[in-house]
Amino acid sequence: MEIPRLNTTAPVEVYEDPLEVMEEIDYLKKENSATILAHFYVDGDLQDIADFTGDSLKLARDATRVKTSTIVFCGVHFMGESAKILCPQKRVLMPDLLAGCSLADSCPADKLAAYQAELRSQGHDFQTVAYINTTAAVKALCDWIVTSGNAREIIDRVPANKEILFVPDQHLGRYLSTVTGRPMILWPGSCMVHEIFSIQDLLRARRRNPGSVVLAHPECPANILEVADVIGGTEKMRNYVASIAEPRTFLVATEANMIHPLKKLAPQHEYIPVPGIMASTGETCACNRCPHMARNTLQKVRDCLKYTRPEIVWQPYFAKAQEVLKRSLLE
């Protein structure tokens, strides 16, 4: 007798008119008392329908100001967790729970706990500072949480007599150590998007665009940061392009969807994603897309509102993570 095979292929989304899906979302938002939050790294159409857009720091703070009973978070899993932790009374939905993060994956809670114990056994007296791109279980093991927007401020709050264990992004940690003068023990993690940047393509793009300005996220490797004109998180990038009235060309070294809010804020400029494969014209392709952020789609937003799932459910360790998140992001 032949045993039937299970269908393990992912369901294929059928094309639907985006405007019709947006209308459905607008109706379902009202029916479910929902507010949509969208990170700058999701597709532009999702940013356009969101009630709040921003980086991790802004969205964490925005979540605490939401008046509706439901939050739909267009981003990756750790962001939905943070929203639930900061707003435990809210129902937090995500379009796709499989939207993860390579940085969060690089630092599992059990391995961090073991490493902390090893360092203490060696006589290290330290505080653990975690980039927000970590799971709630990891946050529960840490003393401080930082984003690219508040990292320098938080590092200054770590007592001078304490060593710093920085997890999980080694590139951000190395950059922060340089700008703050604080030595750090670095966890060997990195972001899969910011790791792919090619210094050769960046230099070639700059030669072909004389007078261009290189914007780079501090998650980039050191060789990219060394040639950047402006280093900062997404809010710093937005503030910088908005401060320049004369049209310029910007080479953007972060997730390519960041160009959408930059264009909306300062449309007078030209924005070129870096790096990508250089075409014969000297243009780049937007190869630096986060596959996890790309799991967020209009259809999935509509469906999670329609069926009120998937949902971020409160976990016992969220309580300890709540304490450090509030102290680091809200105080």
Protein backbone atom coordinates (compact mmCIF):
# COMPACT_ATOMS: atom_id res chain seq x y z
CA MET A 1 0.00 0.00 0.00
CA GLU A 2 1.40 3.38 -0.98
CA ILE A 3 1.74 5.86 1.86
CA PRO A 4 0.50 9.33 0.86
CA ARG A 5 3.16 12.03 0.97
CA LEU A 6 2.65 15.14 3.05
CA ASN A 7 2.66 18.39 1.14
CA THR A 8 5.54 20.33 2.66
CA THR A 9 5.66 23.14 0.14
CA ALA A 10 4.76 26.62 1.36
CA PRO A 11 1.41 27.98 0.16
CA VAL A 12 1.74 30.33 -2.80
CA GLU A 13 0.04 33.70 -2.43
CA VAL A 14 -2.42 34.34 -5.24
CA TYR A 15 -2.18 37.77 -6.83
CA GLU A 16 -4.74 40.24 -5.51
CA ASP A 17 -5.19 43.90 -6.35
CA PRO A 18 -3.10 45.72 -3.70
CA LEU A 19 -5.61 48.58 -3.46
CA GLU A 20 -8.44 46.14 -2.71
CA VAL A 21 -6.33 44.42 -0.04
CA MET A 22 -5.54 47.83 1.49
CA GLU A 23 -9.25 48.65 1.61
CA GLU A 24 -9.90 45.34 3.38
CA ILE A 25 -7.14 46.07 5.87
CA ASP A 26 -8.59 49.50 6.60
CA TYR A 27 -12.02 47.95 7.28
CA LEU A 28 -10.60 45.12 9.43
CA LYS A 29 -8.49 47.57 11.46
CA LYS A 30 -11.61 49.40 12.55
CA GLU A 31 -13.54 46.18 13.19
CA ASN A 32 -10.74 44.72 15.35
CA SER A 33 -9.67 47.96 17.07
CA ALA A 34 -6.19 47.53 15.62
CA THR A 35 -3.14 49.73 15.03
CA ILE A 36 -0.44 48.81 12.51
CA LEU A 37 3.24 49.34 13.26
CA ALA A 38 5.77 48.87 10.44
CA HIS A 39 9.55 48.85 10.50
CA PHE A 40 11.47 50.82 7.88
CA TYR A 41 12.82 47.53 6.47
CA VAL A 42 9.46 46.13 5.31
CA ASP A 43 8.13 46.88 1.84
CA GLY A 44 6.98 50.41 1.11
CA ASP A 45 3.32 49.48 0.64
CA LEU A 46 3.25 48.19 4.23
CA GLN A 47 4.90 51.37 5.49
CA ASP A 48 2.26 53.39 3.63
CA ILE A 49 -0.68 51.66 5.36
CA ALA A 50 0.90 51.72 8.82
CA ASP A 51 -0.20 54.03 11.61
CA PHE A 52 3.36 54.19 12.93
CA THR A 53 6.64 53.63 11.08
CA GLY A 54 10.15 53.77 12.43
CA ASP A 55 13.19 51.95 13.73
CA SER A 56 13.19 49.51 16.64
CA LEU A 57 13.51 52.21 19.30
CA LYS A 58 10.75 54.44 17.94
CA LEU A 59 8.37 51.54 17.36
CA ALA A 60 8.93 50.14 20.85
CA ARG A 61 8.00 53.55 22.26
CA ASP A 62 5.10 53.95 19.80
CA ALA A 63 3.67 50.61 20.95
CA THR A 64 3.23 51.98 24.46
CA ARG A 65 1.16 54.88 23.04
CA VAL A 66 -1.28 52.71 21.06
CA LYS A 67 -4.88 53.30 22.15
CA THR A 68 -6.49 50.32 20.37
CA SER A 69 -6.75 46.86 21.90
CA THR A 70 -4.73 45.18 19.12
CA ILE A 71 -1.29 45.83 17.62
CA VAL A 72 -0.28 44.39 14.26
CA PHE A 73 3.50 44.48 14.02
CA CYS A 74 5.01 44.36 10.53
CA GLY A 75 8.59 43.45 11.30
CA VAL A 76 10.43 40.45 12.70
CA HIS A 77 9.73 38.22 15.67
CA PHE A 78 11.82 39.96 18.33
CA MET A 79 10.00 43.23 17.56
CA GLY A 80 6.60 41.64 18.13
CA GLU A 81 7.90 40.14 21.37
CA SER A 82 9.13 43.56 22.54
CA ALA A 83 5.74 45.13 21.79
CA LYS A 84 3.97 42.43 23.82
CA ILE A 85 6.45 42.77 26.69
CA LEU A 86 5.96 46.54 26.86
CA CYS A 87 2.18 46.29 26.34
CA PRO A 88 1.11 43.04 28.03
CA GLN A 89 -2.54 44.07 28.05
CA LYS A 90 -2.60 44.37 24.24
CA ARG A 91 -3.18 41.61 21.72
CA VAL A 92 -0.07 41.60 19.49
CA LEU A 93 -0.41 40.02 16.06
CA MET A 94 2.28 39.44 13.45
CA PRO A 95 1.74 38.76 9.75
CA ASP A 96 4.25 35.88 9.88
CA LEU A 97 5.81 34.38 13.01
CA LEU A 98 8.56 32.84 10.86
CA ALA A 99 9.96 36.32 10.23
CA GLY A 100 13.06 35.84 12.33
CA CYS A 101 16.46 37.54 12.58
CA SER A 102 19.94 36.20 11.86
CA LEU A 103 21.34 38.29 14.71
CA ALA A 104 18.84 36.92 17.21
CA ASP A 105 19.52 33.38 15.96
CA SER A 106 23.26 33.83 16.47
CA CYS A 107 22.86 34.25 20.23
CA PRO A 108 20.65 31.55 21.83
CA ALA A 109 19.77 32.12 25.48
CA ASP A 110 21.32 28.86 26.71
CA LYS A 111 24.66 29.61 25.04
CA LEU A 112 24.69 33.16 26.39
CA ALA A 113 23.95 31.96 29.94
CA ALA A 114 26.79 29.42 29.69
CA TYR A 115 29.22 32.06 28.41
CA GLN A 116 28.23 34.50 31.16
CA ALA A 117 28.87 31.79 33.75
CA GLU A 118 32.26 31.03 32.16
CA LEU A 119 33.29 34.69 32.24
CA ARG A 120 32.26 35.02 35.90
CA SER A 121 34.24 31.88 36.79
CA GLN A 122 37.28 33.58 35.23
CA GLY A 123 36.84 36.60 37.50
CA HIS A 124 35.21 39.02 35.06
CA ASP A 125 32.94 41.62 36.66
CA PHE A 126 30.70 42.77 33.81
CA GLN A 127 27.30 43.92 32.68
CA THR A 128 25.67 42.45 29.60
CA VAL A 129 24.48 44.92 26.98
CA ALA A 130 22.29 43.43 24.25
CA TYR A 131 21.29 44.89 20.92
CA ILE A 132 17.51 44.82 20.66
CA ASN A 133 17.88 42.24 17.85
CA THR A 134 17.69 39.40 20.38
CA THR A 135 15.01 37.09 21.69
CA ALA A 136 13.07 37.89 24.84
CA ALA A 137 14.82 34.96 26.56
CA VAL A 138 18.17 36.63 25.89
CA LYS A 139 16.91 40.04 27.01
CA ALA A 140 15.94 38.44 30.33
CA LEU A 141 19.64 37.62 30.87
CA CYS A 142 20.87 41.15 30.21
CA ASP A 143 21.41 44.39 32.13
CA TRP A 144 20.75 46.80 29.25
CA ILE A 145 19.10 46.77 25.82
CA VAL A 146 20.26 49.13 23.10
CA THR A 147 19.16 50.13 19.63
CA SER A 148 21.32 51.89 17.07
CA GLY A 149 19.47 55.06 18.12
CA ASN A 150 20.23 55.00 21.85
CA ALA A 151 23.36 52.82 22.10
CA ARG A 152 25.88 55.53 22.98
CA GLU A 153 23.59 56.92 25.68
CA ILE A 154 23.12 53.48 27.25
CA ILE A 155 26.83 52.62 27.14
CA ASP A 156 27.45 55.79 29.15
CA ARG A 157 25.08 54.44 31.81
CA VAL A 158 27.17 51.31 32.39
CA PRO A 159 29.30 51.87 35.53
CA ALA A 160 32.92 52.64 34.64
CA ASN A 161 34.19 49.87 36.95
CA LYS A 162 32.26 47.20 35.04
CA GLU A 163 33.39 45.37 31.94
CA ILE A 164 30.91 45.19 29.06
CA LEU A 165 29.81 42.01 27.35
CA PHE A 166 28.12 43.17 24.13
CA VAL A 167 25.80 40.78 22.28
CA PRO A 168 25.10 39.73 19.61
CA ASP A 169 26.39 42.12 16.87
CA GLN A 170 30.17 42.22 16.79
CA HIS A 171 30.24 45.03 14.20
CA LEU A 172 27.97 47.34 16.18
CA GLY A 173 29.85 46.46 19.36
CA ARG A 174 33.21 47.24 17.75
CA TYR A 175 31.89 50.57 16.46
CA LEU A 176 30.47 51.49 19.88
CA SER A 177 33.72 50.56 21.58
CA THR A 178 35.55 52.92 19.22
CA VAL A 179 33.23 55.91 19.66
CA THR A 180 32.76 55.52 23.44
CA GLY A 181 36.26 54.40 24.37
CA ARG A 182 34.84 51.48 26.39
CA PRO A 183 36.55 48.11 25.83
CA MET A 184 34.05 45.34 25.17
CA ILE A 185 33.88 41.58 25.10
CA LEU A 186 32.15 40.93 21.78
CA TRP A 187 29.80 38.09 20.90
CA PRO A 188 30.62 36.87 17.34
CA GLY A 189 27.21 37.60 15.74
CA SER A 190 26.34 39.63 12.67
CA CYS A 191 23.39 40.64 10.48
CA MET A 192 23.08 38.65 7.26
CA VAL A 193 21.98 41.78 5.37
CA HIS A 194 24.77 44.10 6.51
CA GLU A 195 27.41 41.38 6.12
CA ILE A 196 26.94 41.21 2.33
CA PHE A 197 28.08 44.73 1.56
CA SER A 198 30.94 44.77 -0.93
CA ILE A 199 33.62 47.39 -0.38
CA GLN A 200 34.63 47.11 -4.05
CA ASP A 201 31.09 47.84 -5.26
CA LEU A 202 30.74 50.69 -2.79
CA LEU A 203 33.98 52.33 -3.95
CA ARG A 204 33.00 51.81 -7.60
CA ALA A 205 29.60 53.38 -6.99
CA ARG A 206 31.23 56.37 -5.31
CA ARG A 207 33.63 56.87 -8.22
CA ARG A 208 30.71 56.78 -10.67
CA ASN A 209 28.75 59.25 -8.56
CA PRO A 210 31.16 62.11 -7.77
CA GLY A 211 30.12 64.08 -4.73
CA SER A 212 27.86 61.32 -3.43
CA VAL A 213 27.41 60.76 0.31
CA VAL A 214 27.75 57.28 1.82
CA LEU A 215 25.21 56.50 4.56
CA ALA A 216 26.09 53.34 6.51
CA HIS A 217 24.39 51.53 9.37
CA PRO A 218 26.75 50.67 12.26
CA GLU A 219 25.86 46.99 11.78
CA CYS A 220 28.10 47.09 8.69
CA PRO A 221 31.61 45.59 8.84
CA ALA A 222 34.48 47.92 9.71
CA ASN A 223 35.76 48.19 6.11
CA ILE A 224 32.41 49.73 5.06
CA LEU A 225 32.27 52.09 8.05
CA GLU A 226 35.80 53.31 7.33
CA VAL A 227 34.69 54.83 4.01
CA ALA A 228 31.24 56.03 5.15
CA ASP A 229 30.49 59.74 5.39
CA VAL A 230 27.61 59.29 7.84
CA ILE A 231 27.30 56.36 10.26
CA GLY A 232 24.04 55.89 12.10
CA GLY A 233 20.77 54.09 12.52
CA THR A 234 17.73 54.70 10.40
CA GLU A 235 16.53 57.78 12.32
CA LYS A 236 19.95 59.44 12.01
CA MET A 237 19.88 58.74 8.26
CA ARG A 238 16.44 60.34 7.96
CA ASN A 239 17.45 63.39 9.95
CA TYR A 240 20.60 63.82 7.90
CA VAL A 241 19.00 63.71 4.43
CA ALA A 242 16.21 66.00 5.63
CA SER A 243 18.78 68.58 6.78
CA ILE A 244 20.22 69.02 3.27
CA ALA A 245 18.11 71.13 0.90
CA GLU A 246 20.28 70.92 -2.22
CA PRO A 247 19.79 67.70 -4.24
CA ARG A 248 22.51 65.12 -3.53
CA THR A 249 23.20 61.51 -4.35
CA PHE A 250 23.24 59.14 -1.37
CA LEU A 251 24.72 55.64 -1.42
CA VAL A 252 22.70 53.76 1.19
CA ALA A 253 24.42 50.89 3.01
CA THR A 254 21.56 49.30 4.90
CA GLU A 255 18.42 47.29 4.06
CA ALA A 256 17.21 48.51 0.67
CA ASN A 257 13.64 49.23 1.84
CA MET A 258 15.08 52.08 3.91
CA ILE A 259 15.17 54.07 0.69
CA HIS A 260 11.34 54.30 0.77
CA PRO A 261 11.09 56.51 3.90
CA LEU A 262 14.14 58.50 2.78
CA LYS A 263 12.44 59.32 -0.52
CA LYS A 264 9.20 60.27 1.22
CA LEU A 265 11.01 62.58 3.62
CA ALA A 266 13.51 64.15 1.21
CA PRO A 267 12.44 63.47 -2.41
CA GLN A 268 14.89 65.99 -3.83
CA HIS A 269 17.75 63.51 -3.44
CA GLU A 270 18.75 60.41 -5.40
CA TYR A 271 19.25 57.22 -3.38
CA ILE A 272 21.28 54.26 -4.62
CA PRO A 273 21.25 50.96 -2.67
CA VAL A 274 24.66 49.51 -1.89
CA PRO A 275 26.14 47.15 -2.88
CA GLY A 276 24.41 44.69 -5.22
CA ILE A 277 25.83 43.50 -8.51
CA MET A 278 27.00 46.45 -10.53
CA ALA A 279 25.35 46.69 -13.94
CA SER A 280 27.19 48.07 -16.96
CA THR A 281 25.44 51.39 -16.34
CA GLY A 282 27.02 51.69 -12.91
CA GLU A 283 23.73 51.14 -11.12
CA THR A 284 23.29 48.65 -8.33
CA CYS A 285 20.59 46.09 -7.74
CA ALA A 286 18.78 46.00 -4.42
CA CYS A 287 20.28 42.69 -3.33
CA ASN A 288 20.51 43.73 0.30
CA ARG A 289 16.92 42.80 1.18
CA CYS A 290 16.22 41.01 4.45
CA PRO A 291 14.40 37.74 3.64
CA HIS A 292 12.76 37.80 7.07
CA MET A 293 11.32 41.29 6.65
CA ALA A 294 10.14 40.21 3.19
CA ARG A 295 7.82 37.65 4.81
CA ASN A 296 5.54 40.57 5.69
CA THR A 297 3.01 41.17 2.89
CA LEU A 298 -0.28 42.99 2.46
CA GLN A 299 -2.13 39.70 2.20
CA LYS A 300 -0.64 38.40 5.44
CA VAL A 301 -1.52 41.63 7.23
CA ARG A 302 -5.09 41.29 5.97
CA ASP A 303 -5.28 37.63 7.01
CA CYS A 304 -3.87 38.18 10.49
CA LEU A 305 -6.51 40.85 11.05
CA LYS A 306 -9.24 38.64 9.62
CA TYR A 307 -8.36 35.56 11.71
CA THR A 308 -6.66 37.38 14.66
CA ARG A 309 -3.59 35.19 14.40
CA PRO A 310 -0.69 34.50 14.60
CA GLU A 311 -0.39 36.09 18.01
CA ILE A 312 2.56 36.74 20.32
CA VAL A 313 1.58 34.96 23.54
CA TRP A 314 2.94 36.05 26.93
CA GLN A 315 5.72 33.80 28.25
CA PRO A 316 6.92 33.52 31.88
CA TYR A 317 10.37 34.97 31.10
CA PHE A 318 8.80 38.08 29.53
CA ALA A 319 8.48 39.61 33.02
CA LYS A 320 12.25 39.78 33.52
CA ALA A 321 12.75 41.04 29.97
CA GLN A 322 10.14 43.72 30.66
CA GLU A 323 12.20 45.19 33.47
CA VAL A 324 15.32 45.68 31.33
CA LEU A 325 13.37 46.88 28.28
CA LYS A 326 11.54 49.56 30.24
CA ARG A 327 14.71 50.74 31.95
CA SER A 328 16.65 50.87 28.66
CA LEU A 329 14.08 52.16 26.18
CA LEU A 330 11.50 54.13 28.16
CA GLU A 331 13.41 55.72 31.04
